[in-house]
Amino acid sequence: MPASADIAEARLLLERAEREPDPEQETRHIEEALLLLESLDDPTPEETTLVANLQPFVAAVFAGLASYPLAAAGAIGVGVIEAFGSFWASAFKEVIVFTTILPILLWRSLRDPHHDDE
């Protein structure tokens, strides 16, 4: 079922629940509507694959793209950051992982400034 059809059906169930005199039936309508709306939050396989492909890149950037052992250490660091991110704010765990790359890139840029070749 397309997302718009699920939303419309959930809206109808909630309207039906408002008019329902029986509390048990009202609760059943609300539960059905919540189940329909809950299914909309699932990421598509394309979204999941994109995130799964970008996390090793973040690990390699942590390592400086220099060596395999440092890339493995970067991968462990990304895993730890993702675990703590999902503990603190599960909805933003990917955002937390990807924003940690910014200070690393800034630090590397300031540590090794590039000079213009003349």
C-alpha atoms as a PDB file:
ATOM      1  CA  MET A   1       0.000   0.000   0.000  1.00  0.00           C
ATOM      2  CA  PRO A   2       1.426   3.469  -0.826  1.00  0.00           C
ATOM      3  CA  ALA A   3       2.242   5.773   2.072  1.00  0.00           C
ATOM      4  CA  SER A   4      -0.557   8.226   1.228  1.00  0.00           C
ATOM      5  CA  ALA A   5      -3.132   5.408   1.322  1.00  0.00           C
ATOM      6  CA  ASP A   6      -1.815   4.261   4.733  1.00  0.00           C
ATOM      7  CA  ILE A   7      -2.068   7.810   6.075  1.00  0.00           C
ATOM      8  CA  ALA A   8      -5.606   8.210   4.741  1.00  0.00           C
ATOM      9  CA  GLU A   9      -6.678   4.891   6.248  1.00  0.00           C
ATOM     10  CA  ALA A  10      -5.099   5.810   9.598  1.00  0.00           C
ATOM     11  CA  ARG A  11      -6.953   9.133   9.539  1.00  0.00           C
ATOM     12  CA  LEU A  12     -10.252   7.311   8.915  1.00  0.00           C
ATOM     13  CA  LEU A  13      -9.544   4.904  11.774  1.00  0.00           C
ATOM     14  CA  LEU A  14      -8.840   7.805  14.143  1.00  0.00           C
ATOM     15  CA  GLU A  15     -12.036   9.588  13.089  1.00  0.00           C
ATOM     16  CA  ARG A  16     -13.939   6.361  13.650  1.00  0.00           C
ATOM     17  CA  ALA A  17     -12.336   6.041  17.097  1.00  0.00           C
ATOM     18  CA  GLU A  18     -13.514   9.548  18.042  1.00  0.00           C
ATOM     19  CA  ARG A  19     -17.134   8.609  17.300  1.00  0.00           C
ATOM     20  CA  GLU A  20     -16.942   5.163  18.894  1.00  0.00           C
ATOM     21  CA  PRO A  21     -19.002   4.893  22.125  1.00  0.00           C
ATOM     22  CA  ASP A  22     -17.362   1.606  23.196  1.00  0.00           C
ATOM     23  CA  PRO A  23     -13.910   2.237  24.799  1.00  0.00           C
ATOM     24  CA  GLU A  24     -12.579  -1.162  23.692  1.00  0.00           C
ATOM     25  CA  GLN A  25     -13.479  -0.528  20.061  1.00  0.00           C
ATOM     26  CA  GLU A  26     -12.029   2.972  20.320  1.00  0.00           C
ATOM     27  CA  THR A  27      -8.753   1.516  21.596  1.00  0.00           C
ATOM     28  CA  ARG A  28      -8.707  -1.075  18.805  1.00  0.00           C
ATOM     29  CA  HIS A  29      -9.167   1.626  16.129  1.00  0.00           C
ATOM     30  CA  ILE A  30      -6.369   3.720  17.626  1.00  0.00           C
ATOM     31  CA  GLU A  31      -4.022   0.712  17.772  1.00  0.00           C
ATOM     32  CA  GLU A  32      -4.735  -0.125  14.119  1.00  0.00           C
ATOM     33  CA  ALA A  33      -4.021   3.475  13.109  1.00  0.00           C
ATOM     34  CA  LEU A  34      -0.750   3.494  15.056  1.00  0.00           C
ATOM     35  CA  LEU A  35       0.347   0.239  13.427  1.00  0.00           C
ATOM     36  CA  LEU A  36      -0.295   1.726   9.989  1.00  0.00           C
ATOM     37  CA  LEU A  37       1.649   4.887  10.806  1.00  0.00           C
ATOM     38  CA  GLU A  38       4.478   2.957  12.456  1.00  0.00           C
ATOM     39  CA  SER A  39       5.168   1.044   9.259  1.00  0.00           C
ATOM     40  CA  LEU A  40       5.922   4.312   7.426  1.00  0.00           C
ATOM     41  CA  ASP A  41       9.166   4.888   9.370  1.00  0.00           C
ATOM     42  CA  ASP A  42      11.001   1.883   7.930  1.00  0.00           C
ATOM     43  CA  PRO A  43      13.902   2.938   5.706  1.00  0.00           C
ATOM     44  CA  THR A  44      14.017   1.700   2.154  1.00  0.00           C
ATOM     45  CA  PRO A  45      16.770  -0.747   1.162  1.00  0.00           C
ATOM     46  CA  GLU A  46      18.423   2.020  -0.881  1.00  0.00           C
ATOM     47  CA  GLU A  47      18.665   4.290   2.176  1.00  0.00           C
ATOM     48  CA  THR A  48      20.084   1.480   4.300  1.00  0.00           C
ATOM     49  CA  THR A  49      22.660   0.589   1.646  1.00  0.00           C
ATOM     50  CA  LEU A  50      23.754   4.214   1.280  1.00  0.00           C
ATOM     51  CA  VAL A  51      24.406   4.567   5.004  1.00  0.00           C
ATOM     52  CA  ALA A  52      26.148   1.192   5.133  1.00  0.00           C
ATOM     53  CA  ASN A  53      28.439   2.223   2.264  1.00  0.00           C
ATOM     54  CA  LEU A  54      29.326   5.613   3.734  1.00  0.00           C
ATOM     55  CA  GLN A  55      30.305   4.404   7.211  1.00  0.00           C
ATOM     56  CA  PRO A  56      33.493   2.635   5.995  1.00  0.00           C
ATOM     57  CA  PHE A  57      34.430   5.892   4.266  1.00  0.00           C
ATOM     58  CA  VAL A  58      34.137   7.719   7.585  1.00  0.00           C
ATOM     59  CA  ALA A  59      36.337   5.053   9.197  1.00  0.00           C
ATOM     60  CA  ALA A  60      38.951   5.452   6.464  1.00  0.00           C
ATOM     61  CA  VAL A  61      38.949   9.229   6.875  1.00  0.00           C
ATOM     62  CA  PHE A  62      39.473   8.790  10.622  1.00  0.00           C
ATOM     63  CA  ALA A  63      42.520   6.686   9.754  1.00  0.00           C
ATOM     64  CA  GLY A  64      43.814   9.263   7.331  1.00  0.00           C
ATOM     65  CA  LEU A  65      43.638   6.909   4.340  1.00  0.00           C
ATOM     66  CA  ALA A  66      47.157   5.867   5.349  1.00  0.00           C
ATOM     67  CA  SER A  67      47.165   2.220   6.374  1.00  0.00           C
ATOM     68  CA  TYR A  68      44.977  -0.804   6.923  1.00  0.00           C
ATOM     69  CA  PRO A  69      45.629  -1.068  10.699  1.00  0.00           C
ATOM     70  CA  LEU A  70      44.658   2.584  11.164  1.00  0.00           C
ATOM     71  CA  ALA A  71      41.551   2.022   9.028  1.00  0.00           C
ATOM     72  CA  ALA A  72      40.617  -0.917  11.290  1.00  0.00           C
ATOM     73  CA  ALA A  73      41.078   1.315  14.346  1.00  0.00           C
ATOM     74  CA  GLY A  74      38.942   3.963  12.648  1.00  0.00           C
ATOM     75  CA  ALA A  75      36.249   1.358  11.991  1.00  0.00           C
ATOM     76  CA  ILE A  76      36.249   0.385  15.657  1.00  0.00           C
ATOM     77  CA  GLY A  77      35.984   4.074  16.550  1.00  0.00           C
ATOM     78  CA  VAL A  78      33.037   4.534  14.184  1.00  0.00           C
ATOM     79  CA  GLY A  79      31.360   1.472  15.726  1.00  0.00           C
ATOM     80  CA  VAL A  80      31.815   2.840  19.241  1.00  0.00           C
ATOM     81  CA  ILE A  81      30.500   6.264  18.224  1.00  0.00           C
ATOM     82  CA  GLU A  82      27.499   4.657  16.528  1.00  0.00           C
ATOM     83  CA  ALA A  83      26.784   2.494  19.581  1.00  0.00           C
ATOM     84  CA  PHE A  84      26.858   5.486  21.925  1.00  0.00           C
ATOM     85  CA  GLY A  85      24.858   7.538  19.408  1.00  0.00           C
ATOM     86  CA  SER A  86      22.137   4.915  19.251  1.00  0.00           C
ATOM     87  CA  PHE A  87      22.070   4.791  23.047  1.00  0.00           C
ATOM     88  CA  TRP A  88      21.690   8.556  23.476  1.00  0.00           C
ATOM     89  CA  ALA A  89      19.572   9.435  20.446  1.00  0.00           C
ATOM     90  CA  SER A  90      18.691   6.465  18.263  1.00  0.00           C
ATOM     91  CA  ALA A  91      16.973   8.571  15.622  1.00  0.00           C
ATOM     92  CA  PHE A  92      20.166  10.566  15.064  1.00  0.00           C
ATOM     93  CA  LYS A  93      22.822   7.836  15.263  1.00  0.00           C
ATOM     94  CA  GLU A  94      23.823   8.227  11.592  1.00  0.00           C
ATOM     95  CA  VAL A  95      23.912  12.000  11.944  1.00  0.00           C
ATOM     96  CA  ILE A  96      26.177  11.694  14.977  1.00  0.00           C
ATOM     97  CA  VAL A  97      28.555   9.388  13.094  1.00  0.00           C
ATOM     98  CA  PHE A  98      28.737  11.598  10.023  1.00  0.00           C
ATOM     99  CA  THR A  99      29.163  14.856  11.947  1.00  0.00           C
ATOM    100  CA  THR A 100      32.171  13.441  13.776  1.00  0.00           C
ATOM    101  CA  ILE A 101      34.009  13.531  10.458  1.00  0.00           C
ATOM    102  CA  LEU A 102      33.938  17.352  10.405  1.00  0.00           C
ATOM    103  CA  PRO A 103      36.317  17.988  13.336  1.00  0.00           C
ATOM    104  CA  ILE A 104      38.667  15.303  12.008  1.00  0.00           C
ATOM    105  CA  LEU A 105      38.810  16.945   8.579  1.00  0.00           C
ATOM    106  CA  LEU A 106      39.227  20.400  10.134  1.00  0.00           C
ATOM    107  CA  TRP A 107      42.059  19.181  12.362  1.00  0.00           C
ATOM    108  CA  ARG A 108      43.840  17.523   9.431  1.00  0.00           C
ATOM    109  CA  SER A 109      43.446  20.635   7.302  1.00  0.00           C
ATOM    110  CA  LEU A 110      44.924  22.876  10.013  1.00  0.00           C
ATOM    111  CA  ARG A 111      47.704  20.397  10.820  1.00  0.00           C
ATOM    112  CA  ASP A 112      48.916  20.080   7.218  1.00  0.00           C
ATOM    113  CA  PRO A 113      48.099  23.313   5.407  1.00  0.00           C
ATOM    114  CA  HIS A 114      48.466  23.228   1.655  1.00  0.00           C
ATOM    115  CA  HIS A 115      50.604  25.859   0.038  1.00  0.00           C
ATOM    116  CA  ASP A 116      49.987  27.141  -3.463  1.00  0.00           C
ATOM    117  CA  ASP A 117      52.569  26.009  -5.973  1.00  0.00           C
ATOM    118  CA  GLU A 118      53.974  28.790  -8.091  1.00  0.00           C
END
